[in-house]
Amino acid sequence: MIPGRKTRKDSIETEVLIDAGKVNLEGTLALPKSATGLVLFAHGSGSSRRSPRNRYVAGVLQSQGIATLLFDLLTHEEESVDQYTAELRFDIGLLAERLIGATRWVMGRPDLKGVRIGYFGASTGAGAALVAAAQLPDAIAAVVSRGGRPDLAADALGSVRAATLLIVGGDDEPVIGMNREALAKLRCPEKKLVIIPGATHLFEEPGKLEEVARVAADWFARYLATAEKSQARMSAR
C-alpha cells in the first residue's frame, strides 16, 4: 500500500525539460520556499518519474523544505525499446551519465545556485546514483538508496565521498547481502545501512514506506543543510 503524498503548501511544482547533453529528459521539479537542499531521484529498472513510491518520498522531503527533481532517465523512444529488450535499464553507465547531465542542468539554474544536492536511488537507480556521485565528488553531498543495488556501482564505490545511506527491507535477503558488501567497499566518511524489519523489496507492507521516507528525510536534512544551519541544528540538541 502506498500512502498519500505529503507536500508543503508553499511548494511550487513545475514540469521541466532537462538538457542532459545528448538528449532532453522530462522531469518534475518541486521547489519549496527557502529550500534547504535539492534531491534528484534515480528510479529503478522499468520505472519512471511517475513512480508512486518515489513520488511519496519526494512529497515527504518537500514537506521538510527539501526541493526534489523526479525525471525520466530514458527518452520516450528509449523506453519503448527497453520495454522489449530491458537492456537500457541495466546500463548503469548510461543511467549515471543521464543523472550527471541532470545535475549539471540543476547547477546551471540561477534559482538553484548554491543549493546543496543529493541523490535518492531505487533498485538499479541506486547503482547509477553512486557512480554519478563518485564522478561529482564536490557537487553531491548525500546519497540515499531504497532497496537498491549499490553493488552495480562496482569500482566506483571506493570513490564516493557523499554521505551514503543504504535502506533495505528486512525480508529482502539477497539484497541485504549485496548492500552489506557494498557498505564495506564505501570509503566515504559517513555511511550507514538501515534494515527495515518486516519489509520486502518494494516496502509494500503497512507503514514501511513511511519509515523509509522518514529515515531518508532525516539523512538529507542533516547532510544537505548549509554549515550555518547544521551548526544551529546541533546547538538545538
Protein backbone atom coordinates (compact mmCIF):
# COMPACT_ATOMS: atom_id res chain seq x y z
CA MET A 1 0.00 0.00 0.00
CA ILE A 2 1.30 3.44 -0.94
CA PRO A 3 0.25 6.27 1.41
CA GLY A 4 -0.96 9.66 0.26
CA ARG A 5 1.62 12.31 -0.56
CA LYS A 6 2.70 14.98 1.90
CA THR A 7 3.70 18.34 0.46
CA ARG A 8 4.13 21.89 1.67
CA LYS A 9 1.56 24.48 0.65
CA ASP A 10 4.32 26.87 -0.44
CA SER A 11 5.94 24.26 -2.72
CA ILE A 12 5.80 25.13 -6.44
CA GLU A 13 5.75 22.13 -8.80
CA THR A 14 6.78 22.60 -12.44
CA GLU A 15 7.11 20.25 -15.41
CA VAL A 16 10.56 20.78 -16.92
CA LEU A 17 12.61 19.65 -19.90
CA ILE A 18 16.16 18.83 -18.85
CA ASP A 19 19.06 19.32 -21.22
CA ALA A 20 21.18 16.28 -20.31
CA GLY A 21 23.70 16.69 -23.10
CA LYS A 22 22.82 14.41 -26.00
CA VAL A 23 19.14 14.12 -25.00
CA ASN A 24 16.34 16.09 -23.38
CA LEU A 25 14.61 14.41 -20.45
CA GLU A 26 11.20 15.15 -18.94
CA GLY A 27 11.01 15.90 -15.24
CA THR A 28 9.00 17.36 -12.38
CA LEU A 29 10.73 19.99 -10.25
CA ALA A 30 9.22 20.88 -6.87
CA LEU A 31 10.62 23.92 -5.07
CA PRO A 32 9.54 24.66 -1.50
CA LYS A 33 10.11 28.22 -0.35
CA SER A 34 13.63 28.68 1.06
CA ALA A 35 14.64 25.12 0.13
CA THR A 36 17.44 23.71 2.30
CA GLY A 37 18.67 21.38 -0.44
CA LEU A 38 17.62 19.53 -3.59
CA VAL A 39 17.34 15.78 -4.20
CA LEU A 40 17.41 14.21 -7.66
CA PHE A 41 15.62 10.86 -7.94
CA ALA A 42 17.07 7.97 -9.95
CA HIS A 43 14.25 5.45 -10.40
CA GLY A 44 14.65 1.71 -10.66
CA SER A 45 14.54 -0.63 -13.63
CA GLY A 46 11.38 -0.41 -15.70
CA SER A 47 10.06 2.58 -13.74
CA SER A 48 9.76 6.32 -14.45
CA ARG A 49 9.47 9.71 -12.78
CA ARG A 50 5.84 8.82 -12.03
CA SER A 51 6.85 6.00 -9.65
CA PRO A 52 4.28 6.25 -6.83
CA ARG A 53 6.84 5.20 -4.22
CA ASN A 54 9.36 7.81 -5.26
CA ARG A 55 6.62 10.42 -5.53
CA TYR A 56 5.58 9.66 -1.97
CA VAL A 57 9.13 10.01 -0.68
CA ALA A 58 9.54 13.22 -2.68
CA GLY A 59 6.40 14.61 -1.05
CA VAL A 60 7.79 13.89 2.42
CA LEU A 61 11.07 15.63 1.52
CA GLN A 62 9.15 18.63 0.21
CA SER A 63 7.20 18.83 3.46
CA GLN A 64 10.58 19.16 5.20
CA GLY A 65 11.63 22.04 2.93
CA ILE A 66 13.77 19.97 0.54
CA ALA A 67 13.36 20.53 -3.20
CA THR A 68 13.01 17.48 -5.45
CA LEU A 69 13.55 16.61 -9.10
CA LEU A 70 11.93 13.45 -10.41
CA PHE A 71 12.84 12.80 -14.03
CA ASP A 72 12.88 10.08 -16.66
CA LEU A 73 16.32 8.59 -17.20
CA LEU A 74 15.31 7.44 -20.69
CA THR A 75 13.60 9.22 -23.59
CA HIS A 76 10.20 8.01 -24.83
CA GLU A 77 11.88 6.25 -27.75
CA GLU A 78 14.39 4.52 -25.47
CA GLU A 79 11.63 3.44 -23.08
CA SER A 80 9.74 1.86 -25.98
CA VAL A 81 12.79 -0.19 -26.93
CA ASP A 82 13.60 -1.04 -23.31
CA GLN A 83 10.12 -2.47 -22.73
CA TYR A 84 11.03 -5.29 -25.08
CA THR A 85 14.78 -5.66 -24.57
CA ALA A 86 15.28 -4.50 -20.92
CA GLU A 87 18.84 -3.64 -21.95
CA LEU A 88 18.95 0.06 -21.08
CA ARG A 89 17.52 -0.20 -17.57
CA PHE A 90 20.64 -2.12 -16.52
CA ASP A 91 23.09 0.12 -18.39
CA ILE A 92 24.46 1.76 -15.23
CA GLY A 93 26.99 3.82 -17.18
CA LEU A 94 24.27 5.34 -19.35
CA LEU A 95 21.94 5.98 -16.39
CA ALA A 96 24.75 7.63 -14.41
CA GLU A 97 25.58 9.79 -17.43
CA ARG A 98 21.96 10.98 -17.57
CA LEU A 99 21.97 11.70 -13.83
CA ILE A 100 25.16 13.72 -14.17
CA GLY A 101 23.61 15.65 -17.05
CA ALA A 102 20.54 16.45 -14.96
CA THR A 103 22.79 17.50 -12.07
CA ARG A 104 24.69 19.93 -14.27
CA TRP A 105 21.34 21.28 -15.51
CA VAL A 106 20.32 21.92 -11.89
CA MET A 107 23.65 23.59 -11.12
CA GLY A 108 23.18 25.90 -14.09
CA ARG A 109 19.82 27.27 -12.90
CA PRO A 110 20.10 30.71 -11.26
CA ASP A 111 17.19 29.94 -8.90
CA LEU A 112 19.08 26.91 -7.54
CA LYS A 113 22.50 28.49 -7.22
CA GLY A 114 24.27 27.39 -4.06
CA VAL A 115 21.69 24.72 -3.13
CA ARG A 116 23.32 21.55 -1.82
CA ILE A 117 22.48 18.46 -3.89
CA GLY A 118 21.66 14.86 -3.01
CA TYR A 119 20.59 11.70 -4.84
CA PHE A 120 17.82 9.23 -3.99
CA GLY A 121 18.23 5.98 -5.91
CA ALA A 122 15.91 2.97 -6.05
CA SER A 123 16.84 -0.51 -7.28
CA THR A 124 19.24 -0.15 -10.26
CA GLY A 125 18.95 3.62 -9.93
CA ALA A 126 20.95 3.39 -6.70
CA GLY A 127 23.90 1.98 -8.61
CA ALA A 128 23.68 4.85 -11.11
CA ALA A 129 23.41 7.39 -8.27
CA LEU A 130 26.60 6.12 -6.64
CA VAL A 131 28.52 6.11 -9.92
CA ALA A 132 27.38 9.68 -10.58
CA ALA A 133 28.26 10.75 -7.02
CA ALA A 134 31.75 9.28 -7.46
CA GLN A 135 32.22 11.38 -10.59
CA LEU A 136 30.90 14.57 -8.94
CA PRO A 137 32.58 14.44 -5.51
CA ASP A 138 32.44 18.21 -4.97
CA ALA A 139 28.80 18.56 -6.03
CA ILE A 140 26.94 15.72 -4.30
CA ALA A 141 26.59 15.94 -0.53
CA ALA A 142 24.38 12.92 0.22
CA VAL A 143 23.04 9.71 -1.34
CA VAL A 144 20.16 7.52 -0.15
CA SER A 145 19.43 4.08 -1.63
CA ARG A 146 15.98 2.43 -1.24
CA GLY A 147 16.02 -1.30 -1.86
CA GLY A 148 18.91 -0.50 -4.13
CA ARG A 149 21.64 -2.34 -5.97
CA PRO A 150 24.71 -0.38 -4.86
CA ASP A 151 26.82 -3.35 -5.90
CA LEU A 152 26.18 -2.32 -9.51
CA ALA A 153 28.36 0.73 -8.90
CA ALA A 154 31.30 -1.72 -8.74
CA ASP A 155 34.70 0.01 -8.59
CA ALA A 156 33.10 3.45 -8.23
CA LEU A 157 32.09 2.67 -4.62
CA GLY A 158 35.57 3.41 -3.30
CA SER A 159 35.48 6.90 -4.87
CA VAL A 160 32.16 8.06 -3.37
CA ARG A 161 32.62 10.95 -0.92
CA ALA A 162 28.97 11.83 -0.31
CA ALA A 163 27.34 10.72 2.96
CA THR A 164 25.63 7.47 1.94
CA LEU A 165 22.62 5.75 3.49
CA LEU A 166 21.54 2.29 2.32
CA ILE A 167 17.96 1.27 3.22
CA VAL A 168 16.90 -2.35 2.75
CA GLY A 169 13.84 -4.39 3.73
CA GLY A 170 14.43 -6.97 6.46
CA ASP A 171 12.82 -9.69 4.34
CA ASP A 172 14.76 -8.76 1.18
CA GLU A 173 17.55 -11.22 1.98
CA PRO A 174 19.53 -11.34 -1.30
CA VAL A 175 19.62 -7.53 -1.47
CA ILE A 176 20.67 -7.26 2.19
CA GLY A 177 23.83 -9.21 1.37
CA MET A 178 24.57 -7.04 -1.67
CA ASN A 179 24.18 -3.88 0.43
CA ARG A 180 26.43 -5.17 3.20
CA GLU A 181 29.16 -5.93 0.70
CA ALA A 182 28.74 -2.50 -0.90
CA LEU A 183 28.85 -0.78 2.51
CA ALA A 184 32.20 -2.42 3.22
CA LYS A 185 33.61 -1.07 -0.06
CA LEU A 186 32.43 2.51 0.51
CA ARG A 187 35.18 4.85 1.72
CA CYS A 188 33.03 7.93 2.39
CA PRO A 189 33.38 9.47 5.88
CA GLU A 190 29.68 8.98 6.66
CA LYS A 191 27.93 5.75 5.68
CA LYS A 192 25.16 3.63 7.17
CA LEU A 193 22.99 0.59 6.45
CA VAL A 194 19.41 0.65 7.80
CA ILE A 195 17.35 -2.54 7.65
CA ILE A 196 13.58 -2.04 7.96
CA PRO A 197 12.17 -5.09 9.83
CA GLY A 198 9.33 -6.94 8.13
CA ALA A 199 9.70 -5.10 4.81
CA THR A 200 10.11 -6.74 1.40
CA HIS A 201 11.87 -5.29 -1.65
CA LEU A 202 9.19 -2.71 -2.54
CA PHE A 203 8.29 -1.79 1.07
CA GLU A 204 4.64 -2.53 0.33
CA GLU A 205 3.77 -3.52 3.91
CA PRO A 206 1.76 -1.02 6.02
CA GLY A 207 3.94 1.71 7.48
CA LYS A 208 7.18 0.56 5.83
CA LEU A 209 7.39 3.15 3.05
CA GLU A 210 6.61 5.86 5.63
CA GLU A 211 9.59 4.62 7.64
CA VAL A 212 11.81 4.76 4.56
CA ALA A 213 10.71 8.34 3.86
CA ARG A 214 11.30 9.41 7.47
CA VAL A 215 14.81 7.94 7.61
CA ALA A 216 15.69 9.41 4.20
CA ALA A 217 14.35 12.85 5.13
CA ASP A 218 16.42 12.87 8.33
CA TRP A 219 19.55 11.92 6.38
CA PHE A 220 19.06 14.61 3.75
CA ALA A 221 18.14 17.25 6.34
CA ARG A 222 21.43 16.54 8.09
CA TYR A 223 23.76 16.44 5.12
CA LEU A 224 22.16 18.93 2.73
CA ALA A 225 21.95 21.70 5.32
CA THR A 226 24.36 24.62 4.99
CA ALA A 227 27.15 24.88 7.53
CA GLU A 228 25.24 27.59 9.39
CA LYS A 229 22.05 25.52 9.59
CA SER A 230 23.95 22.39 10.60
CA GLN A 231 25.54 24.26 13.48
CA ALA A 232 22.13 25.60 14.54
CA ARG A 233 20.67 22.06 14.48
CA MET A 234 23.50 20.74 16.64
CA SER A 235 23.15 23.64 19.10
CA ALA A 236 19.42 22.98 19.43
CA ARG A 237 20.01 19.37 20.57
